[in-house]
PDB file of all heavy atoms in Angstrom:
ATOM      1  N   PRO A   1     100.172 212.230 127.651  1.00  0.00           N
ATOM      2  CA  PRO A   1     101.380 212.056 126.813  1.00  0.00           C
ATOM      3  C   PRO A   1     102.562 212.788 127.464  1.00  0.00           C
ATOM      4  O   PRO A   1     102.430 213.419 128.522  1.00  0.00           O
ATOM      5  CB  PRO A   1     100.975 212.659 125.505  1.00  0.00           C
ATOM      6  CG  PRO A   1      99.975 213.729 125.890  1.00  0.00           C
ATOM      7  CD  PRO A   1      99.201 213.132 127.034  1.00  0.00           C
ATOM      8  N   GLU A   2     103.734 212.643 126.833  1.00  0.00           N
ATOM      9  CA  GLU A   2     104.954 213.257 127.382  1.00  0.00           C
ATOM     10  C   GLU A   2     104.763 214.793 127.569  1.00  0.00           C
ATOM     11  O   GLU A   2     105.316 215.360 128.496  1.00  0.00           O
ATOM     12  CB  GLU A   2     106.123 212.987 126.485  1.00  0.00           C
ATOM     13  CG  GLU A   2     106.559 211.535 126.423  1.00  0.00           C
ATOM     14  CD  GLU A   2     107.063 211.026 127.762  1.00  0.00           C
ATOM     15  OE1 GLU A   2     107.521 211.820 128.602  1.00  0.00           O
ATOM     16  OE2 GLU A   2     106.991 209.787 128.003  1.00  0.00           O
ATOM     17  N   GLY A   3     103.962 215.418 126.737  1.00  0.00           N
ATOM     18  CA  GLY A   3     103.731 216.841 126.888  1.00  0.00           C
ATOM     19  C   GLY A   3     102.573 217.173 127.800  1.00  0.00           C
ATOM     20  O   GLY A   3     102.179 218.337 127.881  1.00  0.00           O
ATOM     21  N   ASP A   4     102.026 216.180 128.499  1.00  0.00           N
ATOM     22  CA  ASP A   4     100.890 216.275 129.428  1.00  0.00           C
ATOM     23  C   ASP A   4      99.586 216.488 128.649  1.00  0.00           C
ATOM     24  O   ASP A   4      99.599 216.753 127.434  1.00  0.00           O
ATOM     25  CB  ASP A   4     101.111 217.418 130.402  1.00  0.00           C
ATOM     26  CG  ASP A   4     100.351 217.199 131.755  1.00  0.00           C
ATOM     27  OD1 ASP A   4      99.509 216.311 131.766  1.00  0.00           O
ATOM     28  OD2 ASP A   4     100.629 217.929 132.709  1.00  0.00           O
ATOM     29  N   PHE A   5      98.496 216.341 129.349  1.00  0.00           N
ATOM     30  CA  PHE A   5      97.197 216.676 128.786  1.00  0.00           C
ATOM     31  C   PHE A   5      97.228 218.192 128.550  1.00  0.00           C
ATOM     32  O   PHE A   5      97.960 218.965 129.197  1.00  0.00           O
ATOM     33  CB  PHE A   5      96.092 216.360 129.777  1.00  0.00           C
ATOM     34  CG  PHE A   5      95.922 214.886 130.054  1.00  0.00           C
ATOM     35  CD1 PHE A   5      96.159 214.355 131.284  1.00  0.00           C
ATOM     36  CD2 PHE A   5      95.432 214.060 129.026  1.00  0.00           C
ATOM     37  CE1 PHE A   5      95.993 212.997 131.556  1.00  0.00           C
ATOM     38  CE2 PHE A   5      95.254 212.711 129.256  1.00  0.00           C
ATOM     39  CZ  PHE A   5      95.524 212.152 130.552  1.00  0.00           C
ATOM     40  N   SER A   6      96.358 218.682 127.679  1.00  0.00           N
ATOM     41  CA  SER A   6      96.198 220.130 127.598  1.00  0.00           C
ATOM     42  C   SER A   6      95.363 220.558 128.791  1.00  0.00           C
ATOM     43  O   SER A   6      94.661 219.743 129.420  1.00  0.00           O
ATOM     44  CB  SER A   6      95.460 220.500 126.283  1.00  0.00           C
ATOM     45  OG  SER A   6      94.079 220.094 126.338  1.00  0.00           O
ATOM     46  N   ILE A   7      95.444 221.811 129.159  1.00  0.00           N
ATOM     47  CA  ILE A   7      94.681 222.281 130.295  1.00  0.00           C
ATOM     48  C   ILE A   7      93.193 222.183 130.048  1.00  0.00           C
ATOM     49  O   ILE A   7      92.403 221.948 130.981  1.00  0.00           O
ATOM     50  CB  ILE A   7      95.127 223.728 130.677  1.00  0.00           C
ATOM     51  CG1 ILE A   7      94.649 224.037 132.103  1.00  0.00           C
ATOM     52  CG2 ILE A   7      94.607 224.738 129.654  1.00  0.00           C
ATOM     53  CD1 ILE A   7      95.340 225.262 132.702  1.00  0.00           C
ATOM     54  N   ASP A   8      92.802 222.308 128.770  1.00  0.00           N
ATOM     55  CA  ASP A   8      91.380 222.143 128.448  1.00  0.00           C
ATOM     56  C   ASP A   8      90.959 220.728 128.666  1.00  0.00           C
ATOM     57  O   ASP A   8      89.803 220.473 129.122  1.00  0.00           O
ATOM     58  CB  ASP A   8      91.142 222.546 127.009  1.00  0.00           C
ATOM     59  CG  ASP A   8      91.245 224.067 126.773  1.00  0.00           C
ATOM     60  OD1 ASP A   8      91.103 224.812 127.752  1.00  0.00           O
ATOM     61  OD2 ASP A   8      91.425 224.494 125.606  1.00  0.00           O
ATOM     62  N   GLU A   9      91.788 219.795 128.406  1.00  0.00           N
ATOM     63  CA  GLU A   9      91.467 218.361 128.589  1.00  0.00           C
ATOM     64  C   GLU A   9      91.341 218.059 130.103  1.00  0.00           C
ATOM     65  O   GLU A   9      90.418 217.320 130.494  1.00  0.00           O
ATOM     66  CB  GLU A   9      92.545 217.439 127.973  1.00  0.00           C
ATOM     67  CG  GLU A   9      92.461 217.437 126.468  1.00  0.00           C
ATOM     68  CD  GLU A   9      93.634 216.691 125.826  1.00  0.00           C
ATOM     69  OE1 GLU A   9      94.746 216.691 126.439  1.00  0.00           O
ATOM     70  OE2 GLU A   9      93.454 216.134 124.723  1.00  0.00           O
ATOM     71  N   VAL A  10      92.196 218.633 130.900  1.00  0.00           N
ATOM     72  CA  VAL A  10      92.060 218.429 132.327  1.00  0.00           C
ATOM     73  C   VAL A  10      90.760 218.976 132.849  1.00  0.00           C
ATOM     74  O   VAL A  10      90.050 218.333 133.622  1.00  0.00           O
ATOM     75  CB  VAL A  10      93.285 219.093 133.082  1.00  0.00           C
ATOM     76  CG1 VAL A  10      93.089 218.953 134.600  1.00  0.00           C
ATOM     77  CG2 VAL A  10      94.582 218.453 132.673  1.00  0.00           C
ATOM     78  N   ASN A  11      90.407 220.200 132.422  1.00  0.00           N
ATOM     79  CA  ASN A  11      89.169 220.805 132.838  1.00  0.00           C
ATOM     80  C   ASN A  11      87.958 220.016 132.352  1.00  0.00           C
ATOM     81  O   ASN A  11      86.964 219.850 133.091  1.00  0.00           O
ATOM     82  CB  ASN A  11      89.088 222.237 132.345  1.00  0.00           C
ATOM     83  CG  ASN A  11      89.980 223.186 133.078  1.00  0.00           C
ATOM     84  OD1 ASN A  11      90.170 223.053 134.273  1.00  0.00           O
ATOM     85  ND2 ASN A  11      90.557 224.150 132.379  1.00  0.00           N
ATOM     86  N   PHE A  12      88.050 219.458 131.140  1.00  0.00           N
ATOM     87  CA  PHE A  12      86.966 218.651 130.580  1.00  0.00           C
ATOM     88  C   PHE A  12      86.783 217.382 131.418  1.00  0.00           C
ATOM     89  O   PHE A  12      85.669 216.990 131.736  1.00  0.00           O
ATOM     90  CB  PHE A  12      87.286 218.301 129.151  1.00  0.00           C
ATOM     91  CG  PHE A  12      86.192 217.527 128.449  1.00  0.00           C
ATOM     92  CD1 PHE A  12      85.083 218.158 127.913  1.00  0.00           C
ATOM     93  CD2 PHE A  12      86.277 216.126 128.316  1.00  0.00           C
ATOM     94  CE1 PHE A  12      84.076 217.432 127.277  1.00  0.00           C
ATOM     95  CE2 PHE A  12      85.290 215.406 127.676  1.00  0.00           C
ATOM     96  CZ  PHE A  12      84.180 216.048 127.166  1.00  0.00           C
ATOM     97  N   ALA A  13      87.883 216.769 131.793  1.00  0.00           N
ATOM     98  CA  ALA A  13      87.811 215.579 132.639  1.00  0.00           C
ATOM     99  C   ALA A  13      87.181 215.893 133.992  1.00  0.00           C
ATOM    100  O   ALA A  13      86.364 215.111 134.524  1.00  0.00           O
ATOM    101  CB  ALA A  13      89.186 214.949 132.786  1.00  0.00           C
ATOM    102  N   MET A  14      87.583 217.005 134.583  1.00  0.00           N
ATOM    103  CA  MET A  14      87.035 217.393 135.880  1.00  0.00           C
ATOM    104  C   MET A  14      85.537 217.623 135.788  1.00  0.00           C
ATOM    105  O   MET A  14      84.786 217.253 136.711  1.00  0.00           O
ATOM    106  CB  MET A  14      87.739 218.652 136.384  1.00  0.00           C
ATOM    107  CG  MET A  14      89.214 218.424 136.749  1.00  0.00           C
ATOM    108  SD  MET A  14      90.142 219.960 137.071  1.00  0.00           S
ATOM    109  CE  MET A  14      89.237 220.602 138.496  1.00  0.00           C
ATOM    110  N   LEU A  15      85.075 218.175 134.662  1.00  0.00           N
ATOM    111  CA  LEU A  15      83.639 218.409 134.514  1.00  0.00           C
ATOM    112  C   LEU A  15      82.905 217.057 134.455  1.00  0.00           C
ATOM    113  O   LEU A  15      81.700 217.015 134.738  1.00  0.00           O
ATOM    114  CB  LEU A  15      83.357 219.174 133.231  1.00  0.00           C
ATOM    115  CG  LEU A  15      83.694 220.672 133.268  1.00  0.00           C
ATOM    116  CD1 LEU A  15      83.519 221.299 131.873  1.00  0.00           C
ATOM    117  CD2 LEU A  15      82.790 221.391 134.278  1.00  0.00           C
ATOM    118  N   HIS A  16      83.600 215.993 134.068  1.00  0.00           N
ATOM    119  CA  HIS A  16      82.970 214.661 133.991  1.00  0.00           C
ATOM    120  C   HIS A  16      83.331 213.776 135.191  1.00  0.00           C
ATOM    121  O   HIS A  16      83.296 212.554 135.130  1.00  0.00           O
ATOM    122  CB  HIS A  16      83.403 213.994 132.683  1.00  0.00           C
ATOM    123  CG  HIS A  16      82.713 214.600 131.466  1.00  0.00           C
ATOM    124  ND1 HIS A  16      83.124 215.777 130.861  1.00  0.00           N
ATOM    125  CD2 HIS A  16      81.639 214.172 130.761  1.00  0.00           C
ATOM    126  CE1 HIS A  16      82.351 216.021 129.860  1.00  0.00           C
ATOM    127  NE2 HIS A  16      81.413 215.079 129.746  1.00  0.00           N
ATOM    128  N   GLY A  17      83.721 214.381 136.300  1.00  0.00           N
ATOM    129  CA  GLY A  17      83.868 213.659 137.519  1.00  0.00           C
ATOM    130  C   GLY A  17      85.263 213.093 137.830  1.00  0.00           C
ATOM    131  O   GLY A  17      85.439 212.397 138.812  1.00  0.00           O
ATOM    132  N   PHE A  18      86.252 213.424 136.979  1.00  0.00           N
ATOM    133  CA  PHE A  18      87.601 212.927 137.219  1.00  0.00           C
ATOM    134  C   PHE A  18      88.290 213.874 138.240  1.00  0.00           C
ATOM    135  O   PHE A  18      88.267 215.121 138.099  1.00  0.00           O
ATOM    136  CB  PHE A  18      88.397 212.866 135.924  1.00  0.00           C
ATOM    137  CG  PHE A  18      88.062 211.720 135.094  1.00  0.00           C
ATOM    138  CD1 PHE A  18      86.935 211.722 134.301  1.00  0.00           C
ATOM    139  CD2 PHE A  18      88.823 210.544 135.111  1.00  0.00           C
ATOM    140  CE1 PHE A  18      86.593 210.652 133.467  1.00  0.00           C
ATOM    141  CE2 PHE A  18      88.498 209.433 134.312  1.00  0.00           C
ATOM    142  CZ  PHE A  18      87.392 209.482 133.501  1.00  0.00           C
ATOM    143  N   VAL A  19      88.916 213.302 139.245  1.00  0.00           N
ATOM    144  CA  VAL A  19      89.606 214.045 140.287  1.00  0.00           C
ATOM    145  C   VAL A  19      91.089 214.246 139.931  1.00  0.00           C
ATOM    146  O   VAL A  19      91.749 213.255 139.621  1.00  0.00           O
ATOM    147  CB  VAL A  19      89.487 213.319 141.622  1.00  0.00           C
ATOM    148  CG1 VAL A  19      90.223 214.061 142.728  1.00  0.00           C
ATOM    149  CG2 VAL A  19      88.010 213.127 142.011  1.00  0.00           C
ATOM    150  N   PRO A  20      91.591 215.471 139.941  1.00  0.00           N
ATOM    151  CA  PRO A  20      93.022 215.696 139.632  1.00  0.00           C
ATOM    152  C   PRO A  20      93.932 215.116 140.690  1.00  0.00           C
ATOM    153  O   PRO A  20      93.705 215.312 141.896  1.00  0.00           O
ATOM    154  CB  PRO A  20      93.152 217.227 139.587  1.00  0.00           C
ATOM    155  CG  PRO A  20      91.750 217.709 139.460  1.00  0.00           C
ATOM    156  CD  PRO A  20      90.895 216.741 140.170  1.00  0.00           C
ATOM    157  N   ILE A  21      94.963 214.387 140.308  1.00  0.00           N
ATOM    158  CA  ILE A  21      95.844 213.713 141.278  1.00  0.00           C
ATOM    159  C   ILE A  21      97.302 213.942 140.931  1.00  0.00           C
ATOM    160  O   ILE A  21      97.663 214.310 139.826  1.00  0.00           O
ATOM    161  CB  ILE A  21      95.617 212.183 141.296  1.00  0.00           C
ATOM    162  CG1 ILE A  21      95.796 211.613 139.900  1.00  0.00           C
ATOM    163  CG2 ILE A  21      94.259 211.864 141.936  1.00  0.00           C
ATOM    164  CD1 ILE A  21      95.922 210.104 139.898  1.00  0.00           C
ATOM    165  N   SER A  22      98.117 213.721 141.952  1.00  0.00           N
ATOM    166  CA  SER A  22      99.587 213.693 141.802  1.00  0.00           C
ATOM    167  C   SER A  22     100.079 212.311 142.115  1.00  0.00           C
ATOM    168  O   SER A  22      99.529 211.635 143.006  1.00  0.00           O
ATOM    169  CB  SER A  22     100.213 214.722 142.786  1.00  0.00           C
ATOM    170  OG  SER A  22     101.629 214.518 142.855  1.00  0.00           O
ATOM    171  N   LEU A  23     101.117 211.885 141.438  1.00  0.00           N
ATOM    172  CA  LEU A  23     101.715 210.580 141.687  1.00  0.00           C
ATOM    173  C   LEU A  23     103.048 210.716 142.488  1.00  0.00           C
ATOM    174  O   LEU A  23     103.838 209.803 142.534  1.00  0.00           O
ATOM    175  CB  LEU A  23     101.987 209.838 140.388  1.00  0.00           C
ATOM    176  CG  LEU A  23     100.715 209.482 139.572  1.00  0.00           C
ATOM    177  CD1 LEU A  23     101.113 208.912 138.223  1.00  0.00           C
ATOM    178  CD2 LEU A  23      99.819 208.497 140.325  1.00  0.00           C
ATOM    179  N   GLY A  24     103.266 211.893 143.055  1.00  0.00           N
ATOM    180  CA  GLY A  24     104.484 212.149 143.765  1.00  0.00           C
ATOM    181  C   GLY A  24     105.146 213.455 143.309  1.00  0.00           C
ATOM    182  O   GLY A  24     104.634 214.175 142.495  1.00  0.00           O
ATOM    183  N   ASN A  25     106.367 213.704 143.842  1.00  0.00           N
ATOM    184  CA  ASN A  25     107.068 214.949 143.521  1.00  0.00           C
ATOM    185  C   ASN A  25     107.902 214.889 142.260  1.00  0.00           C
ATOM    186  O   ASN A  25     108.302 215.908 141.726  1.00  0.00           O
ATOM    187  CB  ASN A  25     107.954 215.308 144.706  1.00  0.00           C
ATOM    188  CG  ASN A  25     107.182 215.651 145.966  1.00  0.00           C
ATOM    189  OD1 ASN A  25     106.074 216.206 145.910  1.00  0.00           O
ATOM    190  ND2 ASN A  25     107.729 215.230 147.126  1.00  0.00           N
ATOM    191  N   SER A  26     108.197 213.692 141.773  1.00  0.00           N
ATOM    192  CA  SER A  26     108.989 213.567 140.554  1.00  0.00           C
ATOM    193  C   SER A  26     108.141 213.727 139.291  1.00  0.00           C
ATOM    194  O   SER A  26     106.980 213.366 139.276  1.00  0.00           O
ATOM    195  CB  SER A  26     109.706 212.190 140.524  1.00  0.00           C
ATOM    196  OG  SER A  26     110.526 212.005 141.667  1.00  0.00           O
ATOM    197  N   ARG A  27     108.794 214.270 138.267  1.00  0.00           N
ATOM    198  CA  ARG A  27     108.117 214.364 136.956  1.00  0.00           C
ATOM    199  C   ARG A  27     108.421 213.092 136.217  1.00  0.00           C
ATOM    200  O   ARG A  27     109.571 212.779 135.894  1.00  0.00           O
ATOM    201  CB  ARG A  27     108.670 215.589 136.202  1.00  0.00           C
ATOM    202  CG  ARG A  27     107.772 215.947 135.007  1.00  0.00           C
ATOM    203  CD  ARG A  27     108.293 217.249 134.398  1.00  0.00           C
ATOM    204  NE  ARG A  27     107.441 217.661 133.299  1.00  0.00           N
ATOM    205  CZ  ARG A  27     106.389 218.437 133.415  1.00  0.00           C
ATOM    206  NH1 ARG A  27     106.030 218.893 134.581  1.00  0.00           N
ATOM    207  NH2 ARG A  27     105.672 218.813 132.338  1.00  0.00           N
ATOM    208  N   LEU A  28     107.429 212.301 135.936  1.00  0.00           N
ATOM    209  CA  LEU A  28     107.573 210.940 135.411  1.00  0.00           C
ATOM    210  C   LEU A  28     107.258 210.836 133.905  1.00  0.00           C
ATOM    211  O   LEU A  28     106.431 211.559 133.376  1.00  0.00           O
ATOM    212  CB  LEU A  28     106.662 209.993 136.161  1.00  0.00           C
ATOM    213  CG  LEU A  28     106.766 209.942 137.688  1.00  0.00           C
ATOM    214  CD1 LEU A  28     105.687 209.040 138.248  1.00  0.00           C
ATOM    215  CD2 LEU A  28     108.157 209.465 138.077  1.00  0.00           C
ATOM    216  N   ARG A  29     107.963 209.938 133.238  1.00  0.00           N
ATOM    217  CA  ARG A  29     107.610 209.643 131.873  1.00  0.00           C
ATOM    218  C   ARG A  29     106.255 208.942 131.854  1.00  0.00           C
ATOM    219  O   ARG A  29     105.804 208.386 132.869  1.00  0.00           O
ATOM    220  CB  ARG A  29     108.651 208.715 131.229  1.00  0.00           C
ATOM    221  CG  ARG A  29     110.002 209.364 130.928  1.00  0.00           C
ATOM    222  CD  ARG A  29     110.906 208.385 130.234  1.00  0.00           C
ATOM    223  NE  ARG A  29     112.175 208.979 129.911  1.00  0.00           N
ATOM    224  CZ  ARG A  29     112.427 209.625 128.776  1.00  0.00           C
ATOM    225  NH1 ARG A  29     111.471 209.870 127.899  1.00  0.00           N
ATOM    226  NH2 ARG A  29     113.643 210.177 128.559  1.00  0.00           N
ATOM    227  N   THR A  30     105.596 208.934 130.706  1.00  0.00           N
ATOM    228  CA  THR A  30     104.257 208.391 130.577  1.00  0.00           C
ATOM    229  C   THR A  30     104.188 206.951 131.060  1.00  0.00           C
ATOM    230  O   THR A  30     103.323 206.587 131.877  1.00  0.00           O
ATOM    231  CB  THR A  30     103.754 208.491 129.110  1.00  0.00           C
ATOM    232  OG1 THR A  30     103.610 209.849 128.738  1.00  0.00           O
ATOM    233  CG2 THR A  30     102.436 207.765 128.953  1.00  0.00           C
ATOM    234  N   GLU A  31     105.093 206.094 130.561  1.00  0.00           N
ATOM    235  CA  GLU A  31     105.036 204.680 130.934  1.00  0.00           C
ATOM    236  C   GLU A  31     105.376 204.475 132.405  1.00  0.00           C
ATOM    237  O   GLU A  31     104.821 203.583 133.065  1.00  0.00           O
ATOM    238  CB  GLU A  31     105.958 203.843 130.015  1.00  0.00           C
ATOM    239  CG  GLU A  31     107.444 203.994 130.266  1.00  0.00           C
ATOM    240  CD  GLU A  31     108.038 205.166 129.565  1.00  0.00           C
ATOM    241  OE1 GLU A  31     107.312 206.037 129.048  1.00  0.00           O
ATOM    242  OE2 GLU A  31     109.303 205.212 129.530  1.00  0.00           O
ATOM    243  N   THR A  32     106.252 205.305 132.963  1.00  0.00           N
ATOM    244  CA  THR A  32     106.599 205.182 134.389  1.00  0.00           C
ATOM    245  C   THR A  32     105.419 205.619 135.260  1.00  0.00           C
ATOM    246  O   THR A  32     105.075 204.955 136.240  1.00  0.00           O
ATOM    247  CB  THR A  32     107.801 206.054 134.707  1.00  0.00           C
ATOM    248  OG1 THR A  32     108.868 205.793 133.800  1.00  0.00           O
ATOM    249  CG2 THR A  32     108.293 205.775 136.145  1.00  0.00           C
ATOM    250  N   ALA A  33     104.756 206.694 134.852  1.00  0.00           N
ATOM    251  CA  ALA A  33     103.573 207.177 135.571  1.00  0.00           C
ATOM    252  C   ALA A  33     102.456 206.125 135.513  1.00  0.00           C
ATOM    253  O   ALA A  33     101.802 205.855 136.538  1.00  0.00           O
ATOM    254  CB  ALA A  33     103.088 208.472 134.973  1.00  0.00           C
ATOM    255  N   GLY A  34     102.251 205.505 134.383  1.00  0.00           N
ATOM    256  CA  GLY A  34     101.255 204.445 134.250  1.00  0.00           C
ATOM    257  C   GLY A  34     101.504 203.286 135.180  1.00  0.00           C
ATOM    258  O   GLY A  34     100.616 202.788 135.852  1.00  0.00           O
ATOM    259  N   LEU A  35     102.765 202.839 135.214  1.00  0.00           N
ATOM    260  CA  LEU A  35     103.087 201.728 136.060  1.00  0.00           C
ATOM    261  C   LEU A  35     103.018 202.088 137.533  1.00  0.00           C
ATOM    262  O   LEU A  35     102.549 201.285 138.375  1.00  0.00           O
ATOM    263  CB  LEU A  35     104.477 201.220 135.729  1.00  0.00           C
ATOM    264  CG  LEU A  35     104.914 199.902 136.350  1.00  0.00           C
ATOM    265  CD1 LEU A  35     103.997 198.763 135.894  1.00  0.00           C
ATOM    266  CD2 LEU A  35     106.343 199.536 136.050  1.00  0.00           C
ATOM    267  N   MET A  36     103.424 203.291 137.885  1.00  0.00           N
ATOM    268  CA  MET A  36     103.326 203.781 139.251  1.00  0.00           C
ATOM    269  C   MET A  36     101.847 203.795 139.684  1.00  0.00           C
ATOM    270  O   MET A  36     101.526 203.341 140.804  1.00  0.00           O
ATOM    271  CB  MET A  36     103.879 205.166 139.367  1.00  0.00           C
ATOM    272  CG  MET A  36     103.762 205.782 140.759  1.00  0.00           C
ATOM    273  SD  MET A  36     104.982 205.157 141.890  1.00  0.00           S
ATOM    274  CE  MET A  36     106.380 206.169 141.495  1.00  0.00           C
ATOM    275  N   ALA A  37     100.988 204.261 138.818  1.00  0.00           N
ATOM    276  CA  ALA A  37      99.529 204.334 139.148  1.00  0.00           C
ATOM    277  C   ALA A  37      98.972 202.911 139.396  1.00  0.00           C
ATOM    278  O   ALA A  37      98.215 202.704 140.318  1.00  0.00           O
ATOM    279  CB  ALA A  37      98.754 205.063 138.055  1.00  0.00           C
ATOM    280  N   VAL A  38      99.328 201.994 138.548  1.00  0.00           N
ATOM    281  CA  VAL A  38      98.846 200.595 138.694  1.00  0.00           C
ATOM    282  C   VAL A  38      99.361 199.997 140.008  1.00  0.00           C
ATOM    283  O   VAL A  38      98.617 199.375 140.745  1.00  0.00           O
ATOM    284  CB  VAL A  38      99.234 199.710 137.496  1.00  0.00           C
ATOM    285  CG1 VAL A  38      99.002 198.225 137.758  1.00  0.00           C
ATOM    286  CG2 VAL A  38      98.519 200.148 136.235  1.00  0.00           C
ATOM    287  N   ALA A  39     100.654 200.221 140.303  1.00  0.00           N
ATOM    288  CA  ALA A  39     101.227 199.695 141.515  1.00  0.00           C
ATOM    289  C   ALA A  39     100.542 200.252 142.763  1.00  0.00           C
ATOM    290  O   ALA A  39     100.255 199.551 143.718  1.00  0.00           O
ATOM    291  CB  ALA A  39     102.724 199.928 141.524  1.00  0.00           C
ATOM    292  N   MET A  40     100.323 201.582 142.763  1.00  0.00           N
ATOM    293  CA  MET A  40      99.669 202.206 143.900  1.00  0.00           C
ATOM    294  C   MET A  40      98.260 201.680 144.090  1.00  0.00           C
ATOM    295  O   MET A  40      97.815 201.335 145.207  1.00  0.00           O
ATOM    296  CB  MET A  40      99.594 203.690 143.697  1.00  0.00           C
ATOM    297  CG  MET A  40     100.897 204.422 143.859  1.00  0.00           C
ATOM    298  SD  MET A  40     100.709 206.218 143.583  1.00  0.00           S
ATOM    299  CE  MET A  40     102.381 206.807 143.955  1.00  0.00           C
ATOM    300  N   ALA A  41      97.518 201.528 142.980  1.00  0.00           N
ATOM    301  CA  ALA A  41      96.178 201.001 143.084  1.00  0.00           C
ATOM    302  C   ALA A  41      96.152 199.584 143.547  1.00  0.00           C
ATOM    303  O   ALA A  41      95.362 199.145 144.382  1.00  0.00           O
ATOM    304  CB  ALA A  41      95.476 201.118 141.712  1.00  0.00           C
ATOM    305  N   GLN A  42      97.093 198.787 143.083  1.00  0.00           N
ATOM    306  CA  GLN A  42      97.216 197.381 143.436  1.00  0.00           C
ATOM    307  C   GLN A  42      97.449 197.254 144.972  1.00  0.00           C
ATOM    308  O   GLN A  42      96.823 196.425 145.633  1.00  0.00           O
ATOM    309  CB  GLN A  42      98.335 196.740 142.682  1.00  0.00           C
ATOM    310  CG  GLN A  42      98.702 195.325 143.067  1.00  0.00           C
ATOM    311  CD  GLN A  42      97.589 194.324 142.795  1.00  0.00           C
ATOM    312  OE1 GLN A  42      97.296 193.529 143.684  1.00  0.00           O
ATOM    313  NE2 GLN A  42      96.972 194.340 141.602  1.00  0.00           N
TER     314      GLN A  42
END
């Protein structure tokens, strides 16, 4: 969300095999980050 995941949520995801990533140097809104991730993956 706009306030980011909680740090506990990030750690929980990492425990379940999710790798922490960056989408670049800019701080993006949720919908912009989502579209950026889809475009990169595509």
